[in-house]
Amino acid sequence: MRFFLTAISILTLITSPASAEGLADILPEKLFNAKGKKVDASLLEGKYVGLYFSAHWCPPCRAFTPLLVQFRNRHLEDNFEVVFVSFDDSNTEKQNYIRNAGMEWPSIKGADSKTAKKLAQRFQVEGFPSLIVLDPTGKIVSLDGRSDVMLSPETALETWKGAESS
């Protein structure tokens, strides 16, 4: 009986983490635009969101970011947005990275902030860059969005949208 209850508990944990909550329960209420001005997180309603864990000091991040910028810009009209979760050493480095890389998407407050660390822990981010893709309800549709974008930029968004129905 104990095994059965443990199995049910584990199954519940696996199937319910983000499905019962929305993006508003995952992200802060206020985000920041590319110029560092506050914006309301409600701008993400109804969109697929890629949480982009990255930092300028990370060479693989600097190599992937231009690909993600192209991908995001190509899918602006397809209900897709990126949110930058910075692990830069300072806000100045974060803002320089955003400007120099052309990341015209929202970000969470600060660089290497408590919020960034909590999000990284929540989604078990173990390295940078990492792109976690959520559907409009906050359900995880890809834990490896980086590979999806790199290997198949033409079909990645369709694949993520198809994952929602499965």
Foldseek 3Di string as FASTA:
>chain_A
DVVVVVVVVVVCVVPDDQQVAFVPVQAPQWWAWLVGHIDGPCVLAQAKEKEWEAFPVDVVQLVLLLLVLVLCVVCVVVRYAYEYLAQYPWVVRVSVCCVVSVRGGIYHDIHNDPSSVVNCVVLVPDDPGWIFIAGRRRHTQDRHLSCLSVVPSPCSVVSSVVSVVD
